[in-house]
């Protein structure tokens, strides 16, 4: 697998970037924002959700890349120091184009998720379940990276109904359990689950509790926050990060969701 530069952030980084842009196809990326707020690595977080065109998962790579480049142009208005593509579908397909066209660092969430699995020190005989959108699973990025770590028992599925369920604010109950059973009833008991979509952490408890052994869950948002911190992005101890939220459609609705989730 061709490794992107996020694997090789220089350990000498000491200057804390003041402003980060976080991009997602909708509201799901707020789970990444929550991790960034908890780690308090930035003075200001600019969040942009492309709510007019969510979800990205069913779309083809060329369309995903075009949407991502449009988001990049949006962030150029804010003089950000760093951009995080919270959307796994964008991380899977559009990172090279984004990096070519940006004059600041651009990071995805797939590589940190793979590194988090590596750092969990699980036996290579462990069963790994990857959950993601059709675009993410179809890219093979997680599968290739996890195979490169030495794992052999890998299963990847695209539970497409998870995203609309989360967008509707359904985090528990019979409907969610029915959807979990629809996707998981034939899945062998996993030892670890990669939550390869930013929406999925919001139903993480339900996903974990579906399996009797309570598998390890790896959340890409938490993984990238910890990865940045380990590579020199230092927490601010005098004040909290300021969050500004923008959307391509219904920004007030996205702000209401942020108040609920954050």
Protein backbone atom coordinates (compact mmCIF):
# COMPACT_ATOMS: atom_id res chain seq x y z
CA UNK A 1 0.00 0.00 0.00
CA UNK A 2 1.29 3.44 -0.83
CA UNK A 3 1.54 5.24 2.47
CA UNK A 4 0.56 8.86 2.64
CA UNK A 5 2.57 11.51 4.45
CA UNK A 6 0.46 11.30 7.58
CA UNK A 7 2.53 8.27 8.55
CA UNK A 8 5.63 10.43 8.54
CA UNK A 9 4.82 13.66 10.34
CA UNK A 10 8.17 14.99 11.59
CA UNK A 11 8.66 14.54 15.31
CA UNK A 12 10.28 17.98 15.50
CA UNK A 13 6.93 19.77 15.04
CA UNK A 14 6.49 22.09 17.99
CA UNK A 15 4.51 25.03 16.68
CA UNK A 16 0.85 24.53 17.39
CA UNK A 17 -1.30 25.44 14.36
CA UNK A 18 -3.89 27.99 15.32
CA UNK A 19 -6.67 27.11 12.89
CA UNK A 20 -7.85 23.79 11.44
CA UNK A 21 -10.51 23.15 8.84
CA UNK A 22 -12.57 19.98 9.19
CA UNK A 23 -14.58 18.79 6.20
CA UNK A 24 -17.28 16.14 6.04
CA UNK A 25 -20.15 15.20 3.76
CA UNK A 26 -22.65 16.12 6.47
CA UNK A 27 -23.02 16.06 10.23
CA UNK A 28 -20.97 12.92 10.85
CA UNK A 29 -17.66 14.77 10.96
CA UNK A 30 -18.77 16.40 14.19
CA UNK A 31 -17.59 13.18 15.87
CA UNK A 32 -14.09 14.11 14.72
CA UNK A 33 -14.63 17.68 15.95
CA UNK A 34 -15.63 16.29 19.35
CA UNK A 35 -12.31 14.46 19.61
CA UNK A 36 -10.39 17.58 18.53
CA UNK A 37 -12.24 19.67 21.12
CA UNK A 38 -11.44 17.15 23.84
CA UNK A 39 -7.75 17.17 22.92
CA UNK A 40 -7.82 20.97 22.52
CA UNK A 41 -5.10 21.07 19.88
CA UNK A 42 -6.22 24.20 18.00
CA UNK A 43 -7.28 27.75 18.75
CA UNK A 44 -10.01 27.63 16.13
CA UNK A 45 -11.89 24.86 14.32
CA UNK A 46 -13.73 25.68 11.09
CA UNK A 47 -16.23 22.93 10.29
CA UNK A 48 -17.81 22.60 6.87
CA UNK A 49 -20.52 20.02 6.25
CA UNK A 50 -21.70 19.46 2.70
CA UNK A 51 -25.23 18.83 3.92
CA UNK A 52 -26.76 19.57 0.53
CA UNK A 53 -25.11 16.48 -0.98
CA UNK A 54 -24.86 14.00 1.89
CA UNK A 55 -24.17 11.07 1.75
CA UNK A 56 -20.98 10.72 -0.28
CA UNK A 57 -20.76 6.94 0.19
CA UNK A 58 -22.88 5.90 -2.84
CA UNK A 59 -21.16 8.38 -5.18
CA UNK A 60 -18.38 7.58 -7.63
CA UNK A 61 -14.74 8.56 -6.91
CA UNK A 62 -14.67 11.35 -9.50
CA UNK A 63 -17.73 13.01 -7.96
CA UNK A 64 -16.34 12.65 -4.43
CA UNK A 65 -13.07 14.23 -5.56
CA UNK A 66 -14.90 17.13 -7.24
CA UNK A 67 -16.92 17.82 -4.10
CA UNK A 68 -13.76 17.67 -1.97
CA UNK A 69 -11.96 20.18 -4.19
CA UNK A 70 -14.93 22.53 -3.89
CA UNK A 71 -14.66 22.24 -0.09
CA UNK A 72 -10.97 23.02 -0.36
CA UNK A 73 -11.79 26.27 -2.14
CA UNK A 74 -14.18 27.12 0.70
CA UNK A 75 -11.42 26.68 3.30
CA UNK A 76 -9.02 28.91 1.37
CA UNK A 77 -11.13 31.85 2.57
CA UNK A 78 -10.16 31.21 6.20
CA UNK A 79 -6.34 31.02 6.12
CA UNK A 80 -6.32 27.66 7.88
CA UNK A 81 -3.06 25.96 8.87
CA UNK A 82 -4.29 22.40 8.50
CA UNK A 83 -7.21 20.58 6.89
CA UNK A 84 -8.70 17.28 8.04
CA UNK A 85 -10.98 15.35 5.71
CA UNK A 86 -13.17 13.73 8.33
CA UNK A 87 -15.12 11.90 5.63
CA UNK A 88 -13.65 8.44 5.07
CA UNK A 89 -14.96 8.38 1.49
CA UNK A 90 -12.99 11.55 0.75
CA UNK A 91 -9.95 10.17 2.57
CA UNK A 92 -10.19 7.03 0.43
CA UNK A 93 -10.42 8.74 -2.96
CA UNK A 94 -9.51 12.45 -2.93
CA UNK A 95 -6.43 12.99 -0.74
CA UNK A 96 -3.85 13.13 -3.58
CA UNK A 97 -5.84 15.79 -5.47
CA UNK A 98 -6.46 17.78 -2.30
CA UNK A 99 -2.77 17.81 -1.39
CA UNK A 100 -1.73 18.91 -4.86
CA UNK A 101 -4.14 21.86 -4.76
CA UNK A 102 -3.71 22.97 -1.14
CA UNK A 103 -1.07 25.30 0.28
CA UNK A 104 -1.48 23.78 3.76
CA UNK A 105 -1.31 20.27 5.18
CA UNK A 106 -4.21 17.96 4.36
CA UNK A 107 -4.82 14.86 6.45
CA UNK A 108 -7.24 12.00 6.08
CA UNK A 109 -8.62 9.66 8.71
CA UNK A 110 -7.94 6.21 7.24
CA UNK A 111 -4.22 5.95 7.97
CA UNK A 112 -4.59 7.02 11.62
CA UNK A 113 -7.32 4.39 12.03
CA UNK A 114 -5.00 1.71 10.67
CA UNK A 115 -2.21 2.90 12.95
CA UNK A 116 -4.57 2.78 15.93
CA UNK A 117 -5.25 -0.87 15.15
CA UNK A 118 -1.51 -1.51 14.96
CA UNK A 119 -0.99 0.18 18.33
CA UNK A 120 -3.69 -2.00 19.91
CA UNK A 121 -1.20 -4.91 19.69
CA UNK A 122 -3.82 -7.51 18.86
CA UNK A 123 -2.69 -10.99 17.73
CA UNK A 124 -2.56 -11.27 13.95
CA UNK A 125 -5.06 -14.12 14.22
CA UNK A 126 -7.70 -11.63 15.42
CA UNK A 127 -10.83 -11.14 13.36
CA UNK A 128 -11.11 -7.56 12.10
CA UNK A 129 -14.44 -6.14 10.91
CA UNK A 130 -14.34 -2.96 8.82
CA UNK A 131 -17.50 -0.87 8.58
CA UNK A 132 -17.67 1.92 6.02
CA UNK A 133 -19.57 3.43 3.14
CA UNK A 134 -19.67 1.75 -0.26
CA UNK A 135 -17.07 4.22 -1.52
CA UNK A 136 -14.71 3.56 1.39
CA UNK A 137 -15.05 -0.21 1.35
CA UNK A 138 -14.84 -0.28 -2.44
CA UNK A 139 -11.53 1.61 -2.38
CA UNK A 140 -9.86 -1.21 -0.45
CA UNK A 141 -7.79 1.28 1.53
CA UNK A 142 -8.58 -0.14 4.95
CA UNK A 143 -8.31 -3.73 3.76
CA UNK A 144 -4.90 -3.17 2.15
CA UNK A 145 -3.53 -1.30 5.16
CA UNK A 146 -4.73 -3.89 7.66
CA UNK A 147 -3.39 -6.76 5.56
CA UNK A 148 -0.03 -4.99 5.51
CA UNK A 149 -0.03 -5.15 9.32
CA UNK A 150 -0.20 -8.93 9.12
CA UNK A 151 -3.87 -9.55 9.80
CA UNK A 152 -5.50 -12.29 7.72
CA UNK A 153 -9.05 -12.56 9.05
CA UNK A 154 -10.60 -9.38 7.63
CA UNK A 155 -14.21 -8.74 6.72
CA UNK A 156 -15.47 -5.47 5.25
CA UNK A 157 -19.12 -4.48 4.86
CA UNK A 158 -20.97 -1.31 3.89
CA UNK A 159 -24.01 -0.87 6.17
CA UNK A 160 -25.57 1.86 4.05
CA UNK A 161 -28.57 2.39 6.32
CA UNK A 162 -26.39 3.48 9.25
CA UNK A 163 -25.83 6.99 7.86
CA UNK A 164 -29.50 7.98 7.37
CA UNK A 165 -30.38 6.44 10.74
CA UNK A 166 -27.78 8.59 12.48
CA UNK A 167 -28.78 11.68 10.47
CA UNK A 168 -32.34 11.08 11.75
CA UNK A 169 -31.06 11.02 15.34
CA UNK A 170 -31.88 7.35 15.95
CA UNK A 171 -29.20 6.09 18.33
CA UNK A 172 -31.10 3.27 20.05
CA UNK A 173 -34.35 1.31 19.92
CA UNK A 174 -36.01 -1.43 17.91
CA UNK A 175 -35.44 0.15 14.50
CA UNK A 176 -31.70 0.42 15.05
CA UNK A 177 -31.54 -3.14 16.41
CA UNK A 178 -33.36 -4.42 13.33
CA UNK A 179 -30.85 -2.69 11.06
CA UNK A 180 -27.91 -4.06 13.08
CA UNK A 181 -29.35 -7.55 12.76
CA UNK A 182 -29.82 -7.06 9.02
CA UNK A 183 -26.10 -6.41 8.54
CA UNK A 184 -24.53 -8.43 11.35
CA UNK A 185 -26.57 -11.64 11.64
CA UNK A 186 -24.17 -13.57 9.40
CA UNK A 187 -20.96 -11.83 10.59
CA UNK A 188 -18.55 -13.94 12.61
CA UNK A 189 -17.67 -12.60 16.04
CA UNK A 190 -15.02 -9.88 15.50
CA UNK A 191 -12.20 -9.02 17.90
CA UNK A 192 -11.98 -5.43 16.65
CA UNK A 193 -14.22 -3.20 14.58
CA UNK A 194 -13.01 -0.26 12.49
CA UNK A 195 -15.69 2.45 12.48
CA UNK A 196 -14.78 3.66 9.00
CA UNK A 197 -17.42 6.38 8.77
CA UNK A 198 -17.77 9.44 10.98
CA UNK A 199 -21.44 8.72 11.58
CA UNK A 200 -20.84 5.32 13.11
CA UNK A 201 -19.36 6.40 16.49
CA UNK A 202 -22.77 7.82 17.37
CA UNK A 203 -24.14 4.27 17.44
CA UNK A 204 -20.91 2.74 18.75
CA UNK A 205 -22.48 1.35 21.93
CA UNK A 206 -25.19 -0.42 19.96
CA UNK A 207 -22.61 -1.85 17.55
CA UNK A 208 -20.37 -3.09 20.37
CA UNK A 209 -23.22 -4.52 22.39
CA UNK A 210 -24.54 -6.49 19.42
CA UNK A 211 -21.60 -8.85 19.81
CA UNK A 212 -21.31 -10.87 23.06
CA UNK A 213 -17.54 -10.44 23.33
CA UNK A 214 -17.67 -6.59 23.33
CA UNK A 215 -15.05 -6.12 20.56
CA UNK A 216 -12.53 -3.30 20.49
CA UNK A 217 -13.84 -0.31 18.54
CA UNK A 218 -11.52 2.01 16.63
CA UNK A 219 -12.93 5.45 15.89
CA UNK A 220 -11.01 7.35 13.20
CA UNK A 221 -11.75 10.74 14.77
CA UNK A 222 -10.16 9.79 18.06
CA UNK A 223 -7.34 8.08 16.18
CA UNK A 224 -6.37 11.20 14.22
CA UNK A 225 -6.54 13.44 17.30
CA UNK A 226 -4.22 11.12 19.21
CA UNK A 227 -1.95 10.76 16.18
CA UNK A 228 -1.58 14.51 15.76
CA UNK A 229 -0.88 14.94 19.45
CA UNK A 230 1.81 12.25 19.42
CA UNK A 231 3.52 14.02 16.54
CA UNK A 232 3.90 17.41 18.09
CA UNK A 233 0.52 19.13 17.97
CA UNK A 234 0.30 20.29 21.57
CA UNK A 235 -2.85 20.92 23.60
CA UNK A 236 -3.65 24.47 24.63
CA UNK A 237 -3.97 24.79 28.40
CA UNK A 238 -5.19 28.39 28.75
CA UNK A 239 -8.37 28.40 26.67
CA UNK A 240 -10.67 26.10 24.74
CA UNK A 241 -10.85 25.78 20.97
CA UNK A 242 -13.39 28.03 19.26
CA UNK A 243 -15.74 26.23 16.88
CA UNK A 244 -17.37 27.80 13.81
CA UNK A 245 -19.84 25.75 11.78
CA UNK A 246 -20.75 26.17 8.11
CA UNK A 247 -22.87 24.07 5.76
CA UNK A 248 -23.79 23.97 2.10
CA UNK A 249 -27.46 23.73 3.11
CA UNK A 250 -29.42 24.46 6.29
CA UNK A 251 -26.51 25.62 8.49
CA UNK A 252 -28.89 26.29 11.39
CA UNK A 253 -29.92 22.64 11.32
CA UNK A 254 -26.29 21.54 11.46
CA UNK A 255 -25.66 23.89 14.38
CA UNK A 256 -28.59 22.35 16.25
CA UNK A 257 -27.14 18.89 15.69
CA UNK A 258 -23.78 20.13 16.96
CA UNK A 259 -25.39 21.31 20.18
CA UNK A 260 -26.88 17.86 20.68
CA UNK A 261 -23.79 15.84 19.77
CA UNK A 262 -21.07 18.01 21.24
